[in-house]
PDB file of N, CA and C in Angstrom:
ATOM      1  N   MET A   1       1.994  -4.664  63.505  1.00  0.00           N
ATOM      2  CA  MET A   1       0.744  -4.966  63.953  1.00  0.00           C
ATOM      3  C   MET A   1      -0.107  -4.077  64.459  1.00  0.00           C
ATOM      4  N   THR A   2      -1.003  -3.476  64.444  1.00  0.00           N
ATOM      5  CA  THR A   2      -1.879  -2.194  64.910  1.00  0.00           C
ATOM      6  C   THR A   2      -2.557  -2.938  65.889  1.00  0.00           C
ATOM      7  N   ASP A   3      -2.984  -2.419  66.977  1.00  0.00           N
ATOM      8  CA  ASP A   3      -3.789  -2.527  68.044  1.00  0.00           C
ATOM      9  C   ASP A   3      -5.092  -2.752  67.525  1.00  0.00           C
ATOM     10  N   LYS A   4      -5.480  -2.277  66.641  1.00  0.00           N
ATOM     11  CA  LYS A   4      -6.839  -2.524  66.113  1.00  0.00           C
ATOM     12  C   LYS A   4      -6.799  -4.433  65.353  1.00  0.00           C
ATOM     13  N   GLU A   5      -5.793  -4.505  64.852  1.00  0.00           N
ATOM     14  CA  GLU A   5      -6.094  -5.921  64.174  1.00  0.00           C
ATOM     15  C   GLU A   5      -5.607  -6.615  65.140  1.00  0.00           C
ATOM     16  N   VAL A   6      -4.601  -6.092  66.255  1.00  0.00           N
ATOM     17  CA  VAL A   6      -4.737  -7.472  67.555  1.00  0.00           C
ATOM     18  C   VAL A   6      -5.947  -7.859  68.182  1.00  0.00           C
ATOM     19  N   ILE A   7      -7.130  -6.753  68.146  1.00  0.00           N
ATOM     20  CA  ILE A   7      -8.016  -6.922  68.912  1.00  0.00           C
ATOM     21  C   ILE A   7      -8.958  -7.882  67.533  1.00  0.00           C
ATOM     22  N   GLU A   8      -9.190  -7.651  66.520  1.00  0.00           N
ATOM     23  CA  GLU A   8      -9.721  -8.029  65.563  1.00  0.00           C
ATOM     24  C   GLU A   8      -9.288  -9.885  65.465  1.00  0.00           C
ATOM     25  N   ILE A   9      -8.108  -9.981  65.505  1.00  0.00           N
ATOM     26  CA  ILE A   9      -7.804 -11.437  65.727  1.00  0.00           C
ATOM     27  C   ILE A   9      -8.399 -12.043  66.943  1.00  0.00           C
ATOM     28  N   LEU A  10      -7.984 -11.012  67.977  1.00  0.00           N
ATOM     29  CA  LEU A  10      -8.693 -11.885  69.453  1.00  0.00           C
ATOM     30  C   LEU A  10     -10.061 -12.045  69.397  1.00  0.00           C
ATOM     31  N   LYS A  11     -10.832 -11.370  68.979  1.00  0.00           N
ATOM     32  CA  LYS A  11     -12.269 -11.273  68.467  1.00  0.00           C
ATOM     33  C   LYS A  11     -12.546 -12.485  67.674  1.00  0.00           C
ATOM     34  N   ALA A  12     -11.657 -12.851  66.562  1.00  0.00           N
ATOM     35  CA  ALA A  12     -11.969 -13.867  65.854  1.00  0.00           C
ATOM     36  C   ALA A  12     -11.591 -15.190  66.320  1.00  0.00           C
ATOM     37  N   LEU A  13     -10.718 -15.348  67.622  1.00  0.00           N
ATOM     38  CA  LEU A  13     -10.292 -16.468  68.044  1.00  0.00           C
ATOM     39  C   LEU A  13     -10.948 -16.673  69.544  1.00  0.00           C
ATOM     40  N   SER A  14     -12.147 -15.929  69.691  1.00  0.00           N
ATOM     41  CA  SER A  14     -12.975 -16.218  70.922  1.00  0.00           C
ATOM     42  C   SER A  14     -14.132 -16.696  70.834  1.00  0.00           C
ATOM     43  N   VAL A  15     -14.538 -17.744  69.407  1.00  0.00           N
ATOM     44  CA  VAL A  15     -15.302 -18.668  69.436  1.00  0.00           C
ATOM     45  C   VAL A  15     -14.813 -20.250  69.052  1.00  0.00           C
ATOM     46  N   ASN A  16     -15.073 -20.935  70.029  1.00  0.00           N
ATOM     47  CA  ASN A  16     -14.517 -22.449  69.731  1.00  0.00           C
ATOM     48  C   ASN A  16     -14.534 -22.766  68.543  1.00  0.00           C
ATOM     49  N   SER A  17     -15.556 -22.725  67.856  1.00  0.00           N
ATOM     50  CA  SER A  17     -15.678 -23.464  66.295  1.00  0.00           C
ATOM     51  C   SER A  17     -14.772 -22.856  65.566  1.00  0.00           C
ATOM     52  N   ARG A  18     -14.136 -21.425  65.677  1.00  0.00           N
ATOM     53  CA  ARG A  18     -13.121 -21.112  65.160  1.00  0.00           C
ATOM     54  C   ARG A  18     -11.814 -21.570  65.353  1.00  0.00           C
ATOM     55  N   ILE A  19     -11.607 -21.907  66.722  1.00  0.00           N
ATOM     56  CA  ILE A  19     -10.590 -22.351  67.137  1.00  0.00           C
ATOM     57  C   ILE A  19     -10.468 -23.919  66.395  1.00  0.00           C
ATOM     58  N   GLN A  20     -11.626 -24.185  66.417  1.00  0.00           N
ATOM     59  CA  GLN A  20     -11.345 -25.802  65.750  1.00  0.00           C
ATOM     60  C   GLN A  20     -11.147 -25.810  64.299  1.00  0.00           C
ATOM     61  N   ILE A  21     -11.607 -24.885  63.637  1.00  0.00           N
ATOM     62  CA  ILE A  21     -11.403 -24.826  62.302  1.00  0.00           C
ATOM     63  C   ILE A  21      -9.810 -24.382  61.960  1.00  0.00           C
ATOM     64  N   ILE A  22      -9.293 -23.425  62.967  1.00  0.00           N
ATOM     65  CA  ILE A  22      -7.697 -23.207  62.609  1.00  0.00           C
ATOM     66  C   ILE A  22      -7.113 -24.514  62.660  1.00  0.00           C
ATOM     67  N   LYS A  23      -7.738 -25.499  63.909  1.00  0.00           N
ATOM     68  CA  LYS A  23      -6.945 -26.576  64.051  1.00  0.00           C
ATOM     69  C   LYS A  23      -6.842 -27.574  62.800  1.00  0.00           C
ATOM     70  N   LEU A  24      -8.055 -27.373  61.805  1.00  0.00           N
ATOM     71  CA  LEU A  24      -7.979 -28.332  60.950  1.00  0.00           C
ATOM     72  C   LEU A  24      -7.270 -27.746  59.734  1.00  0.00           C
ATOM     73  N   ILE A  25      -7.263 -25.984  59.757  1.00  0.00           N
ATOM     74  CA  ILE A  25      -6.694 -25.622  58.541  1.00  0.00           C
ATOM     75  C   ILE A  25      -5.246 -25.657  58.877  1.00  0.00           C
ATOM     76  N   ARG A  26      -4.710 -25.907  59.950  1.00  0.00           N
ATOM     77  CA  ARG A  26      -3.448 -25.231  60.138  1.00  0.00           C
ATOM     78  C   ARG A  26      -2.179 -26.023  59.261  1.00  0.00           C
ATOM     79  N   ASP A  27      -2.379 -27.276  59.110  1.00  0.00           N
ATOM     80  CA  ASP A  27      -1.246 -27.599  58.355  1.00  0.00           C
ATOM     81  C   ASP A  27      -1.662 -28.111  57.060  1.00  0.00           C
ATOM     82  N   ARG A  28      -2.876 -27.861  56.269  1.00  0.00           N
ATOM     83  CA  ARG A  28      -3.634 -28.250  55.100  1.00  0.00           C
ATOM     84  C   ARG A  28      -4.531 -27.441  54.712  1.00  0.00           C
ATOM     85  N   LYS A  29      -4.836 -27.315  53.437  1.00  0.00           N
ATOM     86  CA  LYS A  29      -6.110 -26.864  52.524  1.00  0.00           C
ATOM     87  C   LYS A  29      -6.923 -27.301  52.723  1.00  0.00           C
ATOM     88  N   LEU A  30      -8.645 -26.784  53.090  1.00  0.00           N
ATOM     89  CA  LEU A  30      -9.693 -27.619  52.989  1.00  0.00           C
ATOM     90  C   LEU A  30     -10.629 -26.819  52.424  1.00  0.00           C
ATOM     91  N   CYS A  31     -11.461 -27.453  51.908  1.00  0.00           N
ATOM     92  CA  CYS A  31     -12.864 -26.860  51.392  1.00  0.00           C
ATOM     93  C   CYS A  31     -14.101 -26.739  52.482  1.00  0.00           C
ATOM     94  N   VAL A  32     -15.009 -25.718  52.452  1.00  0.00           N
ATOM     95  CA  VAL A  32     -16.080 -25.661  53.268  1.00  0.00           C
ATOM     96  C   VAL A  32     -16.542 -26.878  53.563  1.00  0.00           C
ATOM     97  N   ASN A  33     -16.785 -27.801  52.795  1.00  0.00           N
ATOM     98  CA  ASN A  33     -17.721 -28.949  52.673  1.00  0.00           C
ATOM     99  C   ASN A  33     -16.999 -29.913  54.059  1.00  0.00           C
ATOM    100  N   ALA A  34     -15.513 -29.890  53.575  1.00  0.00           N
ATOM    101  CA  ALA A  34     -14.443 -31.084  54.222  1.00  0.00           C
ATOM    102  C   ALA A  34     -14.424 -30.496  55.780  1.00  0.00           C
ATOM    103  N   ILE A  35     -14.441 -29.065  55.832  1.00  0.00           N
ATOM    104  CA  ILE A  35     -14.437 -28.503  57.535  1.00  0.00           C
ATOM    105  C   ILE A  35     -16.085 -29.070  58.043  1.00  0.00           C
ATOM    106  N   ALA A  36     -16.875 -28.531  57.319  1.00  0.00           N
ATOM    107  CA  ALA A  36     -18.177 -28.737  58.059  1.00  0.00           C
ATOM    108  C   ALA A  36     -18.348 -30.721  58.281  1.00  0.00           C
ATOM    109  N   GLY A  37     -17.827 -31.083  57.565  1.00  0.00           N
ATOM    110  CA  GLY A  37     -17.806 -32.758  57.783  1.00  0.00           C
ATOM    111  C   GLY A  37     -17.003 -33.470  58.618  1.00  0.00           C
ATOM    112  N   ASN A  38     -16.022 -32.643  59.281  1.00  0.00           N
ATOM    113  CA  ASN A  38     -15.222 -32.734  60.253  1.00  0.00           C
ATOM    114  C   ASN A  38     -15.540 -32.515  61.642  1.00  0.00           C
ATOM    115  N   LEU A  39     -16.105 -31.258  61.333  1.00  0.00           N
ATOM    116  CA  LEU A  39     -16.647 -30.948  62.744  1.00  0.00           C
ATOM    117  C   LEU A  39     -18.330 -30.882  63.142  1.00  0.00           C
ATOM    118  N   SER A  40     -19.029 -31.554  62.345  1.00  0.00           N
ATOM    119  CA  SER A  40     -20.300 -31.790  62.101  1.00  0.00           C
ATOM    120  C   SER A  40     -21.043 -30.416  62.274  1.00  0.00           C
ATOM    121  N   ILE A  41     -20.793 -29.271  61.497  1.00  0.00           N
ATOM    122  CA  ILE A  41     -21.589 -28.479  61.744  1.00  0.00           C
ATOM    123  C   ILE A  41     -22.051 -27.838  60.198  1.00  0.00           C
ATOM    124  N   THR A  42     -22.992 -27.024  59.951  1.00  0.00           N
ATOM    125  CA  THR A  42     -23.491 -26.843  59.080  1.00  0.00           C
ATOM    126  C   THR A  42     -22.297 -26.183  57.698  1.00  0.00           C
ATOM    127  N   GLN A  43     -22.416 -26.323  56.661  1.00  0.00           N
ATOM    128  CA  GLN A  43     -21.802 -25.462  55.633  1.00  0.00           C
ATOM    129  C   GLN A  43     -21.899 -23.764  55.836  1.00  0.00           C
ATOM    130  N   SER A  44     -23.028 -23.750  55.949  1.00  0.00           N
ATOM    131  CA  SER A  44     -23.219 -21.985  56.356  1.00  0.00           C
ATOM    132  C   SER A  44     -22.366 -21.439  57.612  1.00  0.00           C
ATOM    133  N   ALA A  45     -22.706 -22.063  58.758  1.00  0.00           N
ATOM    134  CA  ALA A  45     -21.729 -21.872  59.832  1.00  0.00           C
ATOM    135  C   ALA A  45     -20.678 -21.652  59.258  1.00  0.00           C
ATOM    136  N   VAL A  46     -19.808 -23.024  58.884  1.00  0.00           N
ATOM    137  CA  VAL A  46     -18.386 -22.829  58.440  1.00  0.00           C
ATOM    138  C   VAL A  46     -18.197 -21.655  57.629  1.00  0.00           C
ATOM    139  N   SER A  47     -18.949 -21.072  56.587  1.00  0.00           N
ATOM    140  CA  SER A  47     -18.742 -19.873  55.966  1.00  0.00           C
ATOM    141  C   SER A  47     -18.588 -18.716  56.322  1.00  0.00           C
ATOM    142  N   GLN A  48     -19.668 -18.707  57.724  1.00  0.00           N
ATOM    143  CA  GLN A  48     -19.704 -17.395  58.330  1.00  0.00           C
ATOM    144  C   GLN A  48     -18.421 -17.385  59.202  1.00  0.00           C
ATOM    145  N   HIS A  49     -18.010 -18.293  59.990  1.00  0.00           N
ATOM    146  CA  HIS A  49     -16.601 -18.493  60.775  1.00  0.00           C
ATOM    147  C   HIS A  49     -15.643 -17.957  59.766  1.00  0.00           C
ATOM    148  N   LEU A  50     -15.570 -18.963  58.708  1.00  0.00           N
ATOM    149  CA  LEU A  50     -14.482 -18.715  57.727  1.00  0.00           C
ATOM    150  C   LEU A  50     -14.289 -17.085  57.247  1.00  0.00           C
ATOM    151  N   LYS A  51     -15.677 -16.553  57.151  1.00  0.00           N
ATOM    152  CA  LYS A  51     -15.638 -15.078  56.705  1.00  0.00           C
ATOM    153  C   LYS A  51     -14.928 -14.059  57.688  1.00  0.00           C
ATOM    154  N   VAL A  52     -15.411 -14.674  59.408  1.00  0.00           N
ATOM    155  CA  VAL A  52     -14.807 -13.546  59.992  1.00  0.00           C
ATOM    156  C   VAL A  52     -12.964 -13.784  60.363  1.00  0.00           C
ATOM    157  N   LEU A  53     -12.766 -15.114  60.091  1.00  0.00           N
ATOM    158  CA  LEU A  53     -11.292 -15.303  59.995  1.00  0.00           C
ATOM    159  C   LEU A  53     -10.362 -14.655  59.073  1.00  0.00           C
ATOM    160  N   THR A  54     -11.274 -14.878  57.652  1.00  0.00           N
ATOM    161  CA  THR A  54     -10.409 -14.217  56.692  1.00  0.00           C
ATOM    162  C   THR A  54     -10.379 -12.514  56.909  1.00  0.00           C
ATOM    163  N   ASN A  55     -11.495 -12.174  57.573  1.00  0.00           N
ATOM    164  CA  ASN A  55     -11.249 -10.374  57.389  1.00  0.00           C
ATOM    165  C   ASN A  55     -10.350 -10.036  58.533  1.00  0.00           C
ATOM    166  N   SER A  56     -10.275 -10.916  59.573  1.00  0.00           N
ATOM    167  CA  SER A  56      -9.251 -10.835  60.562  1.00  0.00           C
ATOM    168  C   SER A  56      -7.993 -11.029  60.129  1.00  0.00           C
ATOM    169  N   ASN A  57      -7.566 -11.937  58.677  1.00  0.00           N
ATOM    170  CA  ASN A  57      -6.457 -11.763  58.214  1.00  0.00           C
ATOM    171  C   ASN A  57      -5.783 -13.147  58.634  1.00  0.00           C
ATOM    172  N   VAL A  58      -5.785 -13.622  59.208  1.00  0.00           N
ATOM    173  CA  VAL A  58      -5.479 -14.848  59.728  1.00  0.00           C
ATOM    174  C   VAL A  58      -5.747 -16.382  59.078  1.00  0.00           C
ATOM    175  N   VAL A  59      -6.810 -16.000  57.911  1.00  0.00           N
ATOM    176  CA  VAL A  59      -7.141 -17.250  56.962  1.00  0.00           C
ATOM    177  C   VAL A  59      -6.817 -16.733  55.408  1.00  0.00           C
ATOM    178  N   TYR A  60      -6.477 -17.383  54.675  1.00  0.00           N
ATOM    179  CA  TYR A  60      -6.049 -16.933  53.068  1.00  0.00           C
ATOM    180  C   TYR A  60      -7.239 -18.187  52.365  1.00  0.00           C
ATOM    181  N   SER A  61      -7.694 -17.906  51.178  1.00  0.00           N
ATOM    182  CA  SER A  61      -8.315 -18.741  50.462  1.00  0.00           C
ATOM    183  C   SER A  61      -7.768 -18.912  48.963  1.00  0.00           C
ATOM    184  N   GLU A  62      -7.748 -20.013  48.504  1.00  0.00           N
ATOM    185  CA  GLU A  62      -7.339 -20.119  47.152  1.00  0.00           C
ATOM    186  C   GLU A  62      -8.238 -20.883  46.391  1.00  0.00           C
ATOM    187  N   ARG A  63      -8.836 -20.586  45.065  1.00  0.00           N
ATOM    188  CA  ARG A  63      -9.696 -21.257  44.229  1.00  0.00           C
ATOM    189  C   ARG A  63      -8.982 -22.461  43.545  1.00  0.00           C
ATOM    190  N   TYR A  64     -10.092 -23.603  43.395  1.00  0.00           N
ATOM    191  CA  TYR A  64      -9.702 -24.675  42.370  1.00  0.00           C
ATOM    192  C   TYR A  64     -10.663 -25.011  41.701  1.00  0.00           C
ATOM    193  N   GLY A  65     -11.023 -24.061  40.470  1.00  0.00           N
ATOM    194  CA  GLY A  65     -11.984 -24.352  39.890  1.00  0.00           C
ATOM    195  C   GLY A  65     -13.311 -23.779  40.444  1.00  0.00           C
ATOM    196  N   SER A  66     -14.161 -24.749  40.808  1.00  0.00           N
ATOM    197  CA  SER A  66     -15.578 -23.884  41.501  1.00  0.00           C
ATOM    198  C   SER A  66     -15.243 -24.061  43.009  1.00  0.00           C
ATOM    199  N   ILE A  67     -14.103 -24.720  43.282  1.00  0.00           N
ATOM    200  CA  ILE A  67     -13.829 -24.887  45.006  1.00  0.00           C
ATOM    201  C   ILE A  67     -12.780 -24.031  45.531  1.00  0.00           C
ATOM    202  N   ILE A  68     -13.206 -23.617  46.668  1.00  0.00           N
ATOM    203  CA  ILE A  68     -12.300 -22.710  47.534  1.00  0.00           C
ATOM    204  C   ILE A  68     -12.074 -23.466  48.756  1.00  0.00           C
ATOM    205  N   HIS A  69     -10.458 -23.340  48.623  1.00  0.00           N
ATOM    206  CA  HIS A  69      -9.958 -23.966  49.825  1.00  0.00           C
ATOM    207  C   HIS A  69      -9.301 -23.036  51.044  1.00  0.00           C
ATOM    208  N   TYR A  70      -9.331 -23.337  52.120  1.00  0.00           N
ATOM    209  CA  TYR A  70      -8.851 -22.169  53.203  1.00  0.00           C
ATOM    210  C   TYR A  70      -7.766 -23.032  53.984  1.00  0.00           C
ATOM    211  N   GLN A  71      -6.738 -21.951  54.219  1.00  0.00           N
ATOM    212  CA  GLN A  71      -5.577 -22.370  54.846  1.00  0.00           C
ATOM    213  C   GLN A  71      -5.291 -21.262  56.062  1.00  0.00           C
ATOM    214  N   LEU A  72      -4.531 -21.777  57.076  1.00  0.00           N
ATOM    215  CA  LEU A  72      -4.302 -20.854  58.093  1.00  0.00           C
ATOM    216  C   LEU A  72      -3.099 -19.990  57.670  1.00  0.00           C
ATOM    217  N   LYS A  73      -3.004 -18.571  57.854  1.00  0.00           N
ATOM    218  CA  LYS A  73      -1.907 -17.728  57.470  1.00  0.00           C
ATOM    219  C   LYS A  73      -0.896 -17.936  58.611  1.00  0.00           C
ATOM    220  N   LYS A  74       0.131 -18.619  58.968  1.00  0.00           N
ATOM    221  CA  LYS A  74       0.897 -19.059  59.902  1.00  0.00           C
ATOM    222  C   LYS A  74       1.851 -17.721  60.161  1.00  0.00           C
ATOM    223  N   GLU A  75       2.174 -17.251  59.029  1.00  0.00           N
ATOM    224  CA  GLU A  75       3.169 -15.869  59.181  1.00  0.00           C
ATOM    225  C   GLU A  75       2.448 -14.656  60.108  1.00  0.00           C
ATOM    226  N   LYS A  76       1.180 -14.829  59.809  1.00  0.00           N
ATOM    227  CA  LYS A  76       0.310 -13.364  60.437  1.00  0.00           C
ATOM    228  C   LYS A  76       0.236 -14.324  62.159  1.00  0.00           C
ATOM    229  N   ILE A  77      -0.317 -15.276  62.400  1.00  0.00           N
ATOM    230  CA  ILE A  77      -0.126 -16.080  63.468  1.00  0.00           C
ATOM    231  C   ILE A  77       1.017 -15.762  64.420  1.00  0.00           C
ATOM    232  N   GLU A  78       2.027 -16.087  63.698  1.00  0.00           N
ATOM    233  CA  GLU A  78       3.356 -15.959  64.162  1.00  0.00           C
ATOM    234  C   GLU A  78       3.502 -14.491  64.943  1.00  0.00           C
ATOM    235  N   GLU A  79       3.373 -13.175  63.704  1.00  0.00           N
ATOM    236  CA  GLU A  79       3.577 -11.991  64.248  1.00  0.00           C
ATOM    237  C   GLU A  79       2.375 -11.666  65.507  1.00  0.00           C
ATOM    238  N   PHE A  80       1.172 -12.188  65.215  1.00  0.00           N
ATOM    239  CA  PHE A  80       0.528 -12.094  66.309  1.00  0.00           C
ATOM    240  C   PHE A  80       0.708 -12.382  67.813  1.00  0.00           C
ATOM    241  N   ILE A  81       0.994 -13.576  67.995  1.00  0.00           N
ATOM    242  CA  ILE A  81       1.606 -14.087  69.244  1.00  0.00           C
ATOM    243  C   ILE A  81       2.996 -13.429  69.367  1.00  0.00           C
ATOM    244  N   ASN A  82       3.888 -12.921  68.761  1.00  0.00           N
ATOM    245  CA  ASN A  82       4.738 -12.310  69.141  1.00  0.00           C
ATOM    246  C   ASN A  82       4.672 -11.303  69.632  1.00  0.00           C
ATOM    247  N   VAL A  83       3.271 -10.450  68.895  1.00  0.00           N
ATOM    248  CA  VAL A  83       2.958  -8.995  69.389  1.00  0.00           C
ATOM    249  C   VAL A  83       1.946  -9.046  70.583  1.00  0.00           C
ATOM    250  N   LEU A  84       1.515 -10.227  70.958  1.00  0.00           N
ATOM    251  CA  LEU A  84       0.503 -10.373  72.115  1.00  0.00           C
ATOM    252  C   LEU A  84       1.415 -10.653  73.383  1.00  0.00           C
ATOM    253  N   SER A  85       2.566 -11.369  73.044  1.00  0.00           N
ATOM    254  CA  SER A  85       3.745 -11.584  74.047  1.00  0.00           C
ATOM    255  C   SER A  85       4.268 -10.593  74.736  1.00  0.00           C
ATOM    256  N   ILE A  86       4.433  -9.453  73.928  1.00  0.00           N
ATOM    257  CA  ILE A  86       5.366  -7.975  74.421  1.00  0.00           C
ATOM    258  C   ILE A  86       4.031  -7.356  75.142  1.00  0.00           C
ATOM    259  N   ILE A  87       3.099  -7.439  74.649  1.00  0.00           N
ATOM    260  CA  ILE A  87       1.903  -6.769  75.285  1.00  0.00           C
ATOM    261  C   ILE A  87       1.538  -7.384  76.441  1.00  0.00           C
ATOM    262  N   LEU A  88       1.630  -8.514  76.647  1.00  0.00           N
ATOM    263  CA  LEU A  88       1.295  -9.341  78.104  1.00  0.00           C
ATOM    264  C   LEU A  88       2.577  -9.426  78.853  1.00  0.00           C
ATOM    265  N   THR A  89       3.517  -9.406  78.436  1.00  0.00           N
ATOM    266  CA  THR A  89       5.016  -9.627  79.416  1.00  0.00           C
ATOM    267  C   THR A  89       6.048  -8.506  79.060  1.00  0.00           C
ATOM    268  N   GLY A  90       5.790  -7.634  78.120  1.00  0.00           N
ATOM    269  CA  GLY A  90       7.165  -6.672  77.966  1.00  0.00           C
ATOM    270  C   GLY A  90       8.273  -7.293  77.177  1.00  0.00           C
ATOM    271  N   SER A  91       8.384  -8.454  76.286  1.00  0.00           N
ATOM    272  CA  SER A  91       9.475  -9.345  76.039  1.00  0.00           C
ATOM    273  C   SER A  91       9.076 -10.013  74.654  1.00  0.00           C
ATOM    274  N   HIS A  92       9.926 -10.177  73.684  1.00  0.00           N
ATOM    275  CA  HIS A  92       9.883 -10.516  72.676  1.00  0.00           C
ATOM    276  C   HIS A  92      10.090 -12.143  72.897  1.00  0.00           C
ATOM    277  N   LYS A  93       9.469 -13.013  72.122  1.00  0.00           N
ATOM    278  CA  LYS A  93       9.571 -14.478  71.987  1.00  0.00           C
ATOM    279  C   LYS A  93      10.907 -14.896  71.341  1.00  0.00           C
TER     280      LYS A  93
END
């Protein structure tokens, strides 16, 4: 993982709403409407947050007909955690 990728993920995770979205989609796929309903924020806001999370490569989407479901890319988060651990402590987890 490059330094640029680490920085993009850190930026993406710097907003509370995005952390809340990650918690929701950590173990299950959800559509924008479901995420918005769980967080009591607008669908438009959720879409914007998901765009940032997708662009930082920590969330992926799958289309089911006309509905798109989002889920966390756990392998990318694990890689990020390992790289961040090395940066901060100099050792692997």
